[in-house]
Structure formats: structure tokens, C-alpha cells
């Protein structure tokens, strides 16, 4: 089979442009939905919804293989998850869960409150995770941003240092690239080694002061050596 372009579907194209003209003046979509969009197609739906300012994003991911491919190519034999990275079945399963965790973290960085749940019984489909993201006010999003970036950085570092394409897609929603780079480059606080406290430099004394101090210390020693406690 082949994938048809919208332009090939003449009747559908005519109906679509009639209902949604290009010059329509409408606000952001109320919701963006995606059901079992394979691999990075889910990321494209999430990125579109976030960039358009949608109030609600609902996606049921499927076939999360992007991260598994990156893990398979990793050359980090000393990493704590190296065993998972080189074992096919473990890599596939864990990469799927980690992919969705990264998606949740990235959406939190983009100003959404996010939750995940199962929306159908597992006997119907094993791909029954539903990620629900709701846009939050800007002032709350600003407070959430710092912790969200730290969680993202920590998750990537703990699982091998790789990310997913959604991160690159969402950078345009995070404002200025310099601000993103500055925040994202900072390691989480629990990875930072505390630098030793700077010790104040001893005050410099003049030669006369130094000589007087030595004389004073010498006389104090002499007094201690000649001191005898009173008899009771």
C-alpha cells in the first residue's frame, strides 16, 4: 500500500477546505487527540497541540521504538542500565515506559499539568496508556518550570543520556533558546558537588605588629612557666 497525501483525496480536500478555510480567524484548539499513533507520530501530535496552545492534550501512545534504537547504539558499558541497553526484550519494554515518562516531563516543561492512566482493560490492548495534559496558568507554569527541567535532566541522565524527538519539537514553545539552554544545561542539585567554603585570607600585619605579637606571646609563655597555683 502507499500513504496518500491529502491532495490526492480530492473530495475530502474540498470538504476540508470548506469547513476549515485557511484564512479563518479562530483561537487555539480546545483539544488535540491521538489514538495509537506509532512511535514519533505521537510526539508530532503533542508538539502541534502545545505549539498551538491547546487547552487539553490526550494521547494513547503506541510502538515507542525511537528511544530503544538509541539505547541499542549506546557504548556505555559502565552505565548502571548497560544490561538493559544490550538486552533486546528488556530494552524494548523499558524504553517504552521511559519514552512516555520523558513525554510527561517535556509537557510539564511546556506549561501543562500531566497525568497518565489506563483507559481500557489490558485484555483489549496492551497499549492502553492514556496521557492527559491540561494547560495551566502562566504564573503556575513558571513555578513548575524549574522542577520540570530538573526532572527531565535527571531522567535522561539516569537512563543513558538520550532524549526523544519531542524535546527538539517543543523547544519553540519554551521561549528564547538561550534561556532554555541555560536552564537545561544546569545539572540537578543532587548531582552537583558542593564546593568547599572559601576560607578568608589572614589579615596582613605590619612588621612592627608582628614583632609586638611575638613579644606578647613570648611573655605569655614565660608567665605560664613561672605560674604556680596557690596552696589551699
C-alpha atoms as a PDB file:
ATOM      1  CA  UNK A   1       0.000   0.000   0.000  1.00  0.00           C
ATOM      2  CA  UNK A   2       1.052   3.624  -0.125  1.00  0.00           C
ATOM      3  CA  UNK A   3       0.346   6.619   2.071  1.00  0.00           C
ATOM      4  CA  UNK A   4      -1.974   9.055   0.299  1.00  0.00           C
ATOM      5  CA  UNK A   5      -1.465  12.776   0.550  1.00  0.00           C
ATOM      6  CA  UNK A   6      -4.427  14.981   1.348  1.00  0.00           C
ATOM      7  CA  UNK A   7      -4.129  16.481  -2.127  1.00  0.00           C
ATOM      8  CA  UNK A   8      -4.847  13.039  -3.620  1.00  0.00           C
ATOM      9  CA  UNK A   9      -8.169  12.830  -1.804  1.00  0.00           C
ATOM     10  CA  UNK A  10      -9.999  15.372  -3.904  1.00  0.00           C
ATOM     11  CA  UNK A  11     -13.439  15.053  -2.326  1.00  0.00           C
ATOM     12  CA  UNK A  12     -12.003  15.140   1.185  1.00  0.00           C
ATOM     13  CA  UNK A  13      -9.802  18.119   0.339  1.00  0.00           C
ATOM     14  CA  UNK A  14     -12.811  20.045  -0.951  1.00  0.00           C
ATOM     15  CA  UNK A  15     -14.858  19.285   2.140  1.00  0.00           C
ATOM     16  CA  UNK A  16     -11.974  20.077   4.482  1.00  0.00           C
ATOM     17  CA  UNK A  17     -11.184  23.469   2.998  1.00  0.00           C
ATOM     18  CA  UNK A  18     -14.874  24.360   3.039  1.00  0.00           C
ATOM     19  CA  UNK A  19     -15.166  23.612   6.739  1.00  0.00           C
ATOM     20  CA  UNK A  20     -11.720  24.914   7.718  1.00  0.00           C
ATOM     21  CA  UNK A  21     -10.705  27.737   5.379  1.00  0.00           C
ATOM     22  CA  UNK A  22      -7.085  28.802   5.640  1.00  0.00           C
ATOM     23  CA  UNK A  23      -7.958  32.410   6.435  1.00  0.00           C
ATOM     24  CA  UNK A  24     -10.315  31.544   9.290  1.00  0.00           C
ATOM     25  CA  UNK A  25      -9.760  33.601  12.435  1.00  0.00           C
ATOM     26  CA  UNK A  26     -10.109  31.139  15.281  1.00  0.00           C
ATOM     27  CA  UNK A  27      -8.338  30.572  18.560  1.00  0.00           C
ATOM     28  CA  UNK A  28      -6.280  27.574  19.618  1.00  0.00           C
ATOM     29  CA  UNK A  29      -7.914  24.126  19.510  1.00  0.00           C
ATOM     30  CA  UNK A  30      -9.790  23.068  22.615  1.00  0.00           C
ATOM     31  CA  UNK A  31      -8.216  19.617  22.496  1.00  0.00           C
ATOM     32  CA  UNK A  32      -5.774  17.538  20.480  1.00  0.00           C
ATOM     33  CA  UNK A  33      -6.307  13.778  20.449  1.00  0.00           C
ATOM     34  CA  UNK A  34      -4.158  10.926  19.191  1.00  0.00           C
ATOM     35  CA  UNK A  35      -5.008   7.216  19.392  1.00  0.00           C
ATOM     36  CA  UNK A  36      -2.201   4.695  18.860  1.00  0.00           C
ATOM     37  CA  UNK A  37      -0.141   6.989  16.626  1.00  0.00           C
ATOM     38  CA  UNK A  38       3.009   4.937  16.028  1.00  0.00           C
ATOM     39  CA  UNK A  39       6.267   5.999  17.612  1.00  0.00           C
ATOM     40  CA  UNK A  40       7.145   9.652  16.863  1.00  0.00           C
ATOM     41  CA  UNK A  41       3.713  10.363  15.354  1.00  0.00           C
ATOM     42  CA  UNK A  42       2.524  10.719  18.949  1.00  0.00           C
ATOM     43  CA  UNK A  43       5.266  13.283  19.511  1.00  0.00           C
ATOM     44  CA  UNK A  44       4.131  15.235  16.463  1.00  0.00           C
ATOM     45  CA  UNK A  45       0.581  15.382  17.837  1.00  0.00           C
ATOM     46  CA  UNK A  46       1.817  16.569  21.234  1.00  0.00           C
ATOM     47  CA  UNK A  47       4.138  19.162  19.703  1.00  0.00           C
ATOM     48  CA  UNK A  48       1.371  20.514  17.486  1.00  0.00           C
ATOM     49  CA  UNK A  49      -1.044  20.801  20.400  1.00  0.00           C
ATOM     50  CA  UNK A  50       1.485  22.515  22.661  1.00  0.00           C
ATOM     51  CA  UNK A  51       2.630  24.923  19.955  1.00  0.00           C
ATOM     52  CA  UNK A  52      -0.978  25.776  19.059  1.00  0.00           C
ATOM     53  CA  UNK A  53      -1.787  26.430  22.726  1.00  0.00           C
ATOM     54  CA  UNK A  54      -4.384  23.705  23.056  1.00  0.00           C
ATOM     55  CA  UNK A  55      -6.065  23.551  26.447  1.00  0.00           C
ATOM     56  CA  UNK A  56      -6.069  19.745  26.552  1.00  0.00           C
ATOM     57  CA  UNK A  57      -3.876  17.037  25.032  1.00  0.00           C
ATOM     58  CA  UNK A  58      -4.946  13.391  25.081  1.00  0.00           C
ATOM     59  CA  UNK A  59      -2.735  10.717  23.516  1.00  0.00           C
ATOM     60  CA  UNK A  60      -2.618   6.935  23.679  1.00  0.00           C
ATOM     61  CA  UNK A  61       0.946   6.130  22.534  1.00  0.00           C
ATOM     62  CA  UNK A  62       1.966   3.083  20.540  1.00  0.00           C
ATOM     63  CA  UNK A  63       5.158   1.424  19.242  1.00  0.00           C
ATOM     64  CA  UNK A  64       7.660   3.560  21.175  1.00  0.00           C
ATOM     65  CA  UNK A  65      10.852   2.413  19.425  1.00  0.00           C
ATOM     66  CA  UNK A  66      12.814   5.648  18.903  1.00  0.00           C
ATOM     67  CA  UNK A  67      14.500   5.518  22.300  1.00  0.00           C
ATOM     68  CA  UNK A  68      15.113   1.761  22.088  1.00  0.00           C
ATOM     69  CA  UNK A  69      17.098   2.287  18.875  1.00  0.00           C
ATOM     70  CA  UNK A  70      19.236   4.946  20.550  1.00  0.00           C
ATOM     71  CA  UNK A  71      19.874   2.720  23.563  1.00  0.00           C
ATOM     72  CA  UNK A  72      20.929  -0.163  21.307  1.00  0.00           C
ATOM     73  CA  UNK A  73      23.636   2.057  19.791  1.00  0.00           C
ATOM     74  CA  UNK A  74      24.971   3.266  23.151  1.00  0.00           C
ATOM     75  CA  UNK A  75      28.577   2.471  24.012  1.00  0.00           C
ATOM     76  CA  UNK A  76      28.391   2.888  27.776  1.00  0.00           C
ATOM     77  CA  UNK A  77      29.366  -0.464  29.332  1.00  0.00           C
ATOM     78  CA  UNK A  78      29.786   1.119  32.775  1.00  0.00           C
ATOM     79  CA  UNK A  79      26.329   2.708  32.859  1.00  0.00           C
ATOM     80  CA  UNK A  80      24.020   1.219  35.543  1.00  0.00           C
ATOM     81  CA  UNK A  81      21.489   0.295  32.833  1.00  0.00           C
ATOM     82  CA  UNK A  82      24.020  -1.196  30.396  1.00  0.00           C
ATOM     83  CA  UNK A  83      22.457  -4.642  30.873  1.00  0.00           C
ATOM     84  CA  UNK A  84      19.072  -3.268  29.832  1.00  0.00           C
ATOM     85  CA  UNK A  85      20.566  -1.365  26.890  1.00  0.00           C
ATOM     86  CA  UNK A  86      22.058  -4.527  25.351  1.00  0.00           C
ATOM     87  CA  UNK A  87      19.179  -6.934  26.076  1.00  0.00           C
ATOM     88  CA  UNK A  88      16.537  -6.660  23.374  1.00  0.00           C
ATOM     89  CA  UNK A  89      13.331  -7.543  25.236  1.00  0.00           C
ATOM     90  CA  UNK A  90      14.259  -5.548  28.336  1.00  0.00           C
ATOM     91  CA  UNK A  91      15.363  -2.604  26.212  1.00  0.00           C
ATOM     92  CA  UNK A  92      12.093  -2.509  24.265  1.00  0.00           C
ATOM     93  CA  UNK A  93       9.857  -2.648  27.323  1.00  0.00           C
ATOM     94  CA  UNK A  94      11.788  -0.158  29.420  1.00  0.00           C
ATOM     95  CA  UNK A  95      12.288   2.243  26.503  1.00  0.00           C
ATOM     96  CA  UNK A  96       8.514   2.373  26.002  1.00  0.00           C
ATOM     97  CA  UNK A  97       7.913   3.359  29.632  1.00  0.00           C
ATOM     98  CA  UNK A  98      10.830   5.802  29.653  1.00  0.00           C
ATOM     99  CA  UNK A  99       9.601   7.401  26.419  1.00  0.00           C
ATOM    100  CA  UNK A 100       6.252   8.178  27.996  1.00  0.00           C
ATOM    101  CA  UNK A 101       7.957   9.444  31.160  1.00  0.00           C
ATOM    102  CA  UNK A 102      10.053  11.807  29.018  1.00  0.00           C
ATOM    103  CA  UNK A 103       6.892  12.969  27.248  1.00  0.00           C
ATOM    104  CA  UNK A 104       5.279  13.783  30.583  1.00  0.00           C
ATOM    105  CA  UNK A 105       8.368  15.670  31.755  1.00  0.00           C
ATOM    106  CA  UNK A 106       8.587  17.612  28.495  1.00  0.00           C
ATOM    107  CA  UNK A 107       4.920  18.596  28.641  1.00  0.00           C
ATOM    108  CA  UNK A 108       5.413  19.845  32.204  1.00  0.00           C
ATOM    109  CA  UNK A 109       8.251  21.999  30.857  1.00  0.00           C
ATOM    110  CA  UNK A 110       5.766  23.395  28.342  1.00  0.00           C
ATOM    111  CA  UNK A 111       3.206  24.566  30.900  1.00  0.00           C
ATOM    112  CA  UNK A 112       0.917  21.548  31.278  1.00  0.00           C
ATOM    113  CA  UNK A 113      -0.244  19.538  34.256  1.00  0.00           C
ATOM    114  CA  UNK A 114       0.113  15.920  33.158  1.00  0.00           C
ATOM    115  CA  UNK A 115      -1.192  12.563  34.308  1.00  0.00           C
ATOM    116  CA  UNK A 116      -1.194   9.041  32.863  1.00  0.00           C
ATOM    117  CA  UNK A 117      -3.675   6.232  33.368  1.00  0.00           C
ATOM    118  CA  UNK A 118      -5.086   3.100  31.740  1.00  0.00           C
ATOM    119  CA  UNK A 119      -8.187   3.770  29.690  1.00  0.00           C
ATOM    120  CA  UNK A 120      -9.204   0.208  28.661  1.00  0.00           C
ATOM    121  CA  UNK A 121      -8.602  -3.222  30.215  1.00  0.00           C
ATOM    122  CA  UNK A 122      -5.299  -4.850  29.254  1.00  0.00           C
ATOM    123  CA  UNK A 123      -7.071  -7.794  27.553  1.00  0.00           C
ATOM    124  CA  UNK A 124      -8.289  -5.414  24.831  1.00  0.00           C
ATOM    125  CA  UNK A 125      -4.861  -3.963  24.061  1.00  0.00           C
ATOM    126  CA  UNK A 126      -1.537  -3.828  25.899  1.00  0.00           C
ATOM    127  CA  UNK A 127      -1.130  -0.271  24.605  1.00  0.00           C
ATOM    128  CA  UNK A 128      -3.714   1.159  26.972  1.00  0.00           C
ATOM    129  CA  UNK A 129      -1.855   4.095  28.494  1.00  0.00           C
ATOM    130  CA  UNK A 130      -3.582   7.464  28.180  1.00  0.00           C
ATOM    131  CA  UNK A 131      -1.538  10.614  28.734  1.00  0.00           C
ATOM    132  CA  UNK A 132      -3.705  13.607  29.638  1.00  0.00           C
ATOM    133  CA  UNK A 133      -2.200  17.101  29.709  1.00  0.00           C
ATOM    134  CA  UNK A 134      -4.114  20.208  30.799  1.00  0.00           C
ATOM    135  CA  UNK A 135      -2.774  23.708  30.266  1.00  0.00           C
ATOM    136  CA  UNK A 136      -2.106  25.636  33.481  1.00  0.00           C
ATOM    137  CA  UNK A 137      -1.928  29.418  34.108  1.00  0.00           C
ATOM    138  CA  UNK A 138       1.336  31.127  33.231  1.00  0.00           C
ATOM    139  CA  UNK A 139       2.166  32.035  36.835  1.00  0.00           C
ATOM    140  CA  UNK A 140       1.785  28.402  37.943  1.00  0.00           C
ATOM    141  CA  UNK A 141       3.676  27.198  34.875  1.00  0.00           C
ATOM    142  CA  UNK A 142       6.587  29.453  35.794  1.00  0.00           C
ATOM    143  CA  UNK A 143       6.789  27.932  39.262  1.00  0.00           C
ATOM    144  CA  UNK A 144       6.618  24.433  37.794  1.00  0.00           C
ATOM    145  CA  UNK A 145       9.265  25.062  35.136  1.00  0.00           C
ATOM    146  CA  UNK A 146      12.377  24.788  37.307  1.00  0.00           C
ATOM    147  CA  UNK A 147      11.441  21.441  38.840  1.00  0.00           C
ATOM    148  CA  UNK A 148      10.236  20.148  35.477  1.00  0.00           C
ATOM    149  CA  UNK A 149      13.556  20.846  33.762  1.00  0.00           C
ATOM    150  CA  UNK A 150      15.445  19.238  36.629  1.00  0.00           C
ATOM    151  CA  UNK A 151      13.275  16.133  36.426  1.00  0.00           C
ATOM    152  CA  UNK A 152      13.850  15.962  32.676  1.00  0.00           C
ATOM    153  CA  UNK A 153      17.610  16.315  33.046  1.00  0.00           C
ATOM    154  CA  UNK A 154      17.754  13.743  35.837  1.00  0.00           C
ATOM    155  CA  UNK A 155      15.629  11.209  33.932  1.00  0.00           C
ATOM    156  CA  UNK A 156      17.772  11.484  30.813  1.00  0.00           C
ATOM    157  CA  UNK A 157      20.981  11.137  32.784  1.00  0.00           C
ATOM    158  CA  UNK A 158      19.745   8.148  34.785  1.00  0.00           C
ATOM    159  CA  UNK A 159      18.643   6.207  31.690  1.00  0.00           C
ATOM    160  CA  UNK A 160      21.626   6.768  29.401  1.00  0.00           C
ATOM    161  CA  UNK A 161      21.637  10.424  28.380  1.00  0.00           C
ATOM    162  CA  UNK A 162      19.369  10.058  25.332  1.00  0.00           C
ATOM    163  CA  UNK A 163      16.174  12.006  24.682  1.00  0.00           C
ATOM    164  CA  UNK A 164      13.298  11.822  22.215  1.00  0.00           C
ATOM    165  CA  UNK A 165      12.374  13.931  19.209  1.00  0.00           C
ATOM    166  CA  UNK A 166       9.609  15.667  21.169  1.00  0.00           C
ATOM    167  CA  UNK A 167      12.236  17.639  23.069  1.00  0.00           C
ATOM    168  CA  UNK A 168      13.515  19.241  19.871  1.00  0.00           C
ATOM    169  CA  UNK A 169       9.959  19.866  18.667  1.00  0.00           C
ATOM    170  CA  UNK A 170       8.927  21.587  21.903  1.00  0.00           C
ATOM    171  CA  UNK A 171      11.879  23.941  22.166  1.00  0.00           C
ATOM    172  CA  UNK A 172       9.956  26.507  20.128  1.00  0.00           C
ATOM    173  CA  UNK A 173       7.318  26.641  22.880  1.00  0.00           C
ATOM    174  CA  UNK A 174       9.899  27.328  25.598  1.00  0.00           C
ATOM    175  CA  UNK A 175      10.707  30.858  24.531  1.00  0.00           C
ATOM    176  CA  UNK A 176      14.198  32.076  23.868  1.00  0.00           C
ATOM    177  CA  UNK A 177      16.691  29.308  23.101  1.00  0.00           C
ATOM    178  CA  UNK A 178      19.330  30.908  25.314  1.00  0.00           C
ATOM    179  CA  UNK A 179      17.044  30.684  28.347  1.00  0.00           C
ATOM    180  CA  UNK A 180      16.263  27.049  27.556  1.00  0.00           C
ATOM    181  CA  UNK A 181      19.934  26.205  27.102  1.00  0.00           C
ATOM    182  CA  UNK A 182      20.886  27.906  30.364  1.00  0.00           C
ATOM    183  CA  UNK A 183      18.239  26.159  32.440  1.00  0.00           C
ATOM    184  CA  UNK A 184      18.580  22.789  30.726  1.00  0.00           C
ATOM    185  CA  UNK A 185      22.367  22.719  30.993  1.00  0.00           C
ATOM    186  CA  UNK A 186      22.330  23.093  34.757  1.00  0.00           C
ATOM    187  CA  UNK A 187      22.645  19.659  36.419  1.00  0.00           C
ATOM    188  CA  UNK A 188      20.095  18.806  39.106  1.00  0.00           C
ATOM    189  CA  UNK A 189      21.020  19.926  42.596  1.00  0.00           C
ATOM    190  CA  UNK A 190      21.552  16.334  43.754  1.00  0.00           C
ATOM    191  CA  UNK A 191      24.233  15.854  41.081  1.00  0.00           C
ATOM    192  CA  UNK A 192      26.141  18.999  41.988  1.00  0.00           C
ATOM    193  CA  UNK A 193      29.159  18.627  44.207  1.00  0.00           C
ATOM    194  CA  UNK A 194      29.281  21.323  46.819  1.00  0.00           C
ATOM    195  CA  UNK A 195      32.410  23.402  46.534  1.00  0.00           C
ATOM    196  CA  UNK A 196      34.329  23.862  49.778  1.00  0.00           C
ATOM    197  CA  UNK A 197      33.589  27.136  51.501  1.00  0.00           C
ATOM    198  CA  UNK A 198      36.153  29.774  50.717  1.00  0.00           C
ATOM    199  CA  UNK A 199      38.420  30.476  53.656  1.00  0.00           C
ATOM    200  CA  UNK A 200      39.055  34.162  54.402  1.00  0.00           C
ATOM    201  CA  UNK A 201      42.615  35.254  53.825  1.00  0.00           C
ATOM    202  CA  UNK A 202      44.516  36.064  57.023  1.00  0.00           C
ATOM    203  CA  UNK A 203      44.926  39.742  57.596  1.00  0.00           C
ATOM    204  CA  UNK A 204      48.371  41.014  56.733  1.00  0.00           C
ATOM    205  CA  UNK A 205      50.219  42.597  59.597  1.00  0.00           C
ATOM    206  CA  UNK A 206      52.954  45.182  59.502  1.00  0.00           C
ATOM    207  CA  UNK A 207      56.457  44.270  60.708  1.00  0.00           C
ATOM    208  CA  UNK A 208      56.005  46.220  63.949  1.00  0.00           C
ATOM    209  CA  UNK A 209      52.687  44.496  64.656  1.00  0.00           C
ATOM    210  CA  UNK A 210      54.221  41.081  64.015  1.00  0.00           C
ATOM    211  CA  UNK A 211      57.188  41.779  66.285  1.00  0.00           C
ATOM    212  CA  UNK A 212      54.866  43.040  69.041  1.00  0.00           C
ATOM    213  CA  UNK A 213      52.695  39.904  68.718  1.00  0.00           C
ATOM    214  CA  UNK A 214      55.743  37.635  69.025  1.00  0.00           C
ATOM    215  CA  UNK A 215      56.937  39.517  72.079  1.00  0.00           C
ATOM    216  CA  UNK A 216      53.492  39.346  73.633  1.00  0.00           C
ATOM    217  CA  UNK A 217      53.244  35.558  73.029  1.00  0.00           C
ATOM    218  CA  UNK A 218      56.743  35.044  74.488  1.00  0.00           C
ATOM    219  CA  UNK A 219      55.910  36.955  77.647  1.00  0.00           C
ATOM    220  CA  UNK A 220      52.684  34.958  77.993  1.00  0.00           C
ATOM    221  CA  UNK A 221      54.633  31.691  77.800  1.00  0.00           C
ATOM    222  CA  UNK A 222      57.075  32.945  80.429  1.00  0.00           C
ATOM    223  CA  UNK A 223      54.202  33.877  82.706  1.00  0.00           C
ATOM    224  CA  UNK A 224      52.676  30.378  82.314  1.00  0.00           C
ATOM    225  CA  UNK A 225      56.018  28.680  83.041  1.00  0.00           C
ATOM    226  CA  UNK A 226      56.569  30.662  86.273  1.00  0.00           C
ATOM    227  CA  UNK A 227      52.969  30.475  87.473  1.00  0.00           C
ATOM    228  CA  UNK A 228      52.224  28.227  90.402  1.00  0.00           C
ATOM    229  CA  UNK A 229      48.677  27.798  91.787  1.00  0.00           C
ATOM    230  CA  UNK A 230      48.025  28.981  95.345  1.00  0.00           C
ATOM    231  CA  UNK A 231      48.066  26.371  98.066  1.00  0.00           C
ATOM    232  CA  UNK A 232      44.748  25.504  99.625  1.00  0.00           C
END
